[in-house]
Amino acid sequence: MLIAITALENSVQSEIDPRFGRAAYYMIVNTVTDEVTIHDNSDGTGASNGAGTGAAQTLSEYGVEALYTGSVGPKAADVLQKANIPYYENFSGTVQNLIDQLKSGGAPQNAPQIDQNTSAQAGNQPVINQTPAAAPQCPGALPGVGQGMGMGAGRGQGMGRGMGAGRGAGRGRGMGCR
């Protein structure tokens, strides 16, 4: 099984990078052979936008079967789901510690254990992006309606675009008529 882990540095002793799309490195770990391939993500760290979606596409091209990281953005999550790559968030510590935990069966919460004889093709693929619990509601509050009092003072000066739509009620008493 190939797994990807985001890393701050190019070593398995590195801390896990809390970002997915702008992670400095991706450690691609073959859990059967214990081979680790380090991929530099300099394209993603300097991208003005689309770093997460680009990274998700890259991992899909590498054949990654699971991703472990700090957090994944919504657009990258969509790409990962379409590529059938499950991802697991909120990881910290070192890359090596995570690999050791996964291999020893002491998997962190929400992460599958890595079995040397198991792969995603065998139908043992974990759940993709579990949805969070619903946010608590205040009693009597309408959903989506804020109860804060707006502080706008309404001091817009208008645009002064009177287009001559008056009624012409002037009495013609200008310019020398007394």
Protein backbone atom coordinates (compact mmCIF):
# COMPACT_ATOMS: atom_id res chain seq x y z
CA MET A 1 0.00 0.00 0.00
CA LEU A 2 1.28 3.47 -0.84
CA ILE A 3 0.55 6.18 1.70
CA ALA A 4 1.46 9.87 1.61
CA ILE A 5 2.40 11.90 4.66
CA THR A 6 3.02 15.65 4.55
CA ALA A 7 6.36 16.75 6.00
CA LEU A 8 8.07 20.02 6.89
CA GLU A 9 11.55 18.72 5.92
CA ASN A 10 12.94 16.08 3.56
CA SER A 11 13.45 13.39 6.19
CA VAL A 12 11.24 10.82 7.92
CA GLN A 13 12.45 12.38 11.18
CA SER A 14 10.68 15.60 10.13
CA GLU A 15 7.53 16.90 11.76
CA ILE A 16 4.28 16.32 9.88
CA ASP A 17 3.34 19.45 7.93
CA PRO A 18 -0.03 20.79 9.14
CA ARG A 19 -0.89 21.93 5.59
CA PHE A 20 -1.68 19.67 2.67
CA GLY A 21 -1.53 21.79 -0.47
CA ARG A 22 1.35 23.95 0.68
CA ALA A 23 3.27 21.22 2.50
CA ALA A 24 7.00 21.44 1.90
CA TYR A 25 7.39 17.70 1.16
CA TYR A 26 5.35 14.56 0.62
CA MET A 27 6.70 11.29 1.96
CA ILE A 28 5.37 8.46 -0.20
CA VAL A 29 5.72 5.30 1.88
CA ASN A 30 5.41 1.80 0.45
CA THR A 31 4.20 -0.12 3.48
CA VAL A 32 5.12 -3.50 1.97
CA THR A 33 8.77 -2.75 1.12
CA ASP A 34 9.31 0.08 3.67
CA GLU A 35 10.65 2.22 0.82
CA VAL A 36 10.18 5.97 1.33
CA THR A 37 10.24 8.34 -1.62
CA ILE A 38 10.54 12.05 -0.86
CA HIS A 39 8.76 14.47 -3.19
CA ASP A 40 9.57 18.17 -3.06
CA ASN A 41 6.42 20.33 -3.26
CA SER A 42 8.06 23.63 -4.22
CA ASP A 43 5.34 24.11 -6.86
CA GLY A 44 2.67 24.04 -4.17
CA THR A 45 4.44 26.15 -1.55
CA GLY A 46 4.80 29.05 -3.98
CA ALA A 47 1.43 28.76 -5.73
CA SER A 48 -0.92 31.72 -5.43
CA ASN A 49 -3.95 29.42 -5.68
CA GLY A 50 -4.83 25.83 -6.49
CA ALA A 51 -2.03 24.33 -4.40
CA GLY A 52 -4.28 21.74 -2.77
CA THR A 53 -5.99 20.58 -5.95
CA GLY A 54 -2.65 20.31 -7.73
CA ALA A 55 -1.17 18.31 -4.87
CA ALA A 56 -4.18 15.98 -4.82
CA GLN A 57 -3.83 15.34 -8.55
CA THR A 58 -0.11 14.68 -8.14
CA LEU A 59 -0.70 12.12 -5.37
CA SER A 60 -3.31 10.44 -7.54
CA GLU A 61 -0.77 10.16 -10.38
CA TYR A 62 1.73 8.56 -7.96
CA GLY A 63 -0.85 5.90 -7.07
CA VAL A 64 -1.19 6.92 -3.42
CA GLU A 65 -3.89 4.97 -1.57
CA ALA A 66 -4.19 7.09 1.61
CA LEU A 67 -3.10 10.52 2.86
CA TYR A 68 -2.12 11.60 6.39
CA THR A 69 -1.77 15.32 7.08
CA GLY A 70 -2.70 18.20 9.35
CA SER A 71 -5.61 19.55 7.30
CA VAL A 72 -7.08 19.38 3.79
CA GLY A 73 -8.96 22.25 2.16
CA PRO A 74 -12.43 21.75 0.65
CA LYS A 75 -11.35 21.87 -3.01
CA ALA A 76 -8.48 19.45 -2.43
CA ALA A 77 -10.89 17.20 -0.51
CA ASP A 78 -13.14 17.05 -3.58
CA VAL A 79 -10.24 16.04 -5.82
CA LEU A 80 -9.09 13.39 -3.31
CA GLN A 81 -12.61 11.96 -3.05
CA LYS A 82 -12.99 11.79 -6.84
CA ALA A 83 -9.64 9.96 -6.99
CA ASN A 84 -10.82 7.57 -4.22
CA ILE A 85 -7.95 8.57 -1.94
CA PRO A 86 -9.03 8.56 1.71
CA TYR A 87 -7.43 11.25 3.82
CA TYR A 88 -6.92 11.59 7.54
CA GLU A 89 -6.45 14.95 9.22
CA ASN A 90 -5.22 16.42 12.50
CA PHE A 91 -1.95 14.52 12.64
CA SER A 92 1.19 15.88 14.30
CA GLY A 93 4.49 14.48 15.51
CA THR A 94 7.15 13.02 13.25
CA VAL A 95 6.62 11.14 10.02
CA GLN A 96 8.55 8.14 11.39
CA ASN A 97 6.40 7.99 14.55
CA LEU A 98 3.24 7.92 12.44
CA ILE A 99 4.63 5.16 10.21
CA ASP A 100 5.62 3.13 13.29
CA GLN A 101 2.19 3.62 14.89
CA LEU A 102 0.38 2.55 11.74
CA LYS A 103 2.55 -0.55 11.27
CA SER A 104 2.33 -1.65 14.92
CA GLY A 105 -1.46 -1.55 14.89
CA GLY A 106 -1.58 1.32 17.38
CA ALA A 107 -3.12 3.55 14.76
CA PRO A 108 -4.14 7.04 15.77
CA GLN A 109 -7.85 7.81 15.90
CA ASN A 110 -9.66 7.67 12.51
CA ALA A 111 -6.68 6.04 10.79
CA PRO A 112 -6.71 2.50 9.43
CA GLN A 113 -4.10 0.03 10.55
CA ILE A 114 -1.65 -0.93 7.85
CA ASP A 115 -1.65 -4.64 7.13
CA GLN A 116 1.15 -5.95 4.94
CA ASN A 117 -1.36 -8.10 3.01
CA THR A 118 -4.08 -5.47 2.65
CA SER A 119 -4.58 -2.99 -0.11
CA ALA A 120 -7.36 -0.71 -1.32
CA GLN A 121 -8.04 -3.15 -4.17
CA ALA A 122 -8.98 -5.83 -1.63
CA GLY A 123 -11.97 -3.74 -0.59
CA ASN A 124 -10.52 -2.70 2.75
CA GLN A 125 -10.37 0.97 1.91
CA PRO A 126 -11.27 3.16 4.89
CA VAL A 127 -14.06 5.72 4.95
CA ILE A 128 -13.34 8.93 3.08
CA ASN A 129 -13.72 12.23 4.94
CA GLN A 130 -16.04 11.52 7.81
CA THR A 131 -18.45 14.40 8.32
CA PRO A 132 -18.14 16.38 11.56
CA ALA A 133 -20.90 16.50 14.13
CA ALA A 134 -23.55 19.19 13.68
CA ALA A 135 -22.86 22.52 15.35
CA PRO A 136 -24.88 23.20 18.51
CA GLN A 137 -27.90 25.45 18.04
CA CYS A 138 -29.03 28.20 20.40
CA PRO A 139 -32.61 27.65 21.63
CA GLY A 140 -35.07 29.90 19.84
CA ALA A 141 -32.59 30.97 17.17
CA LEU A 142 -33.45 30.58 13.52
CA PRO A 143 -30.92 28.59 11.53
CA GLY A 144 -28.65 30.85 9.53
CA VAL A 145 -30.04 34.04 11.07
CA GLY A 146 -27.55 35.96 13.18
CA GLN A 147 -28.71 37.73 16.28
CA GLY A 148 -26.00 40.36 16.42
CA MET A 149 -27.04 43.98 16.08
CA GLY A 150 -25.54 45.51 12.98
CA MET A 151 -23.39 48.55 13.62
CA GLY A 152 -23.71 50.12 10.20
CA ALA A 153 -24.52 53.83 10.59
CA GLY A 154 -26.06 54.25 7.14
CA ARG A 155 -23.94 57.27 6.28
CA GLY A 156 -23.68 56.70 2.57
CA GLN A 157 -23.75 60.05 0.80
CA GLY A 158 -25.77 58.90 -2.18
CA MET A 159 -24.61 59.05 -5.75
CA GLY A 160 -26.28 62.33 -6.76
CA ARG A 161 -27.84 60.87 -9.87
CA GLY A 162 -31.05 62.82 -10.13
CA MET A 163 -31.97 62.31 -13.76
CA GLY A 164 -34.40 65.22 -14.19
CA ALA A 165 -37.47 63.31 -13.12
CA GLY A 166 -38.92 66.22 -11.14
CA ARG A 167 -42.46 67.54 -11.82
CA GLY A 168 -41.44 70.95 -13.09
CA ALA A 169 -43.39 72.86 -10.46
CA GLY A 170 -41.11 75.87 -10.61
CA ARG A 171 -42.89 79.26 -10.97
CA GLY A 172 -40.44 80.86 -13.34
CA ARG A 173 -39.44 83.71 -11.04
CA GLY A 174 -35.76 83.79 -11.83
CA MET A 175 -33.46 86.25 -13.66
CA GLY A 176 -34.84 89.71 -13.31
CA CYS A 177 -38.53 89.07 -12.84
CA ARG A 178 -39.61 90.66 -9.58
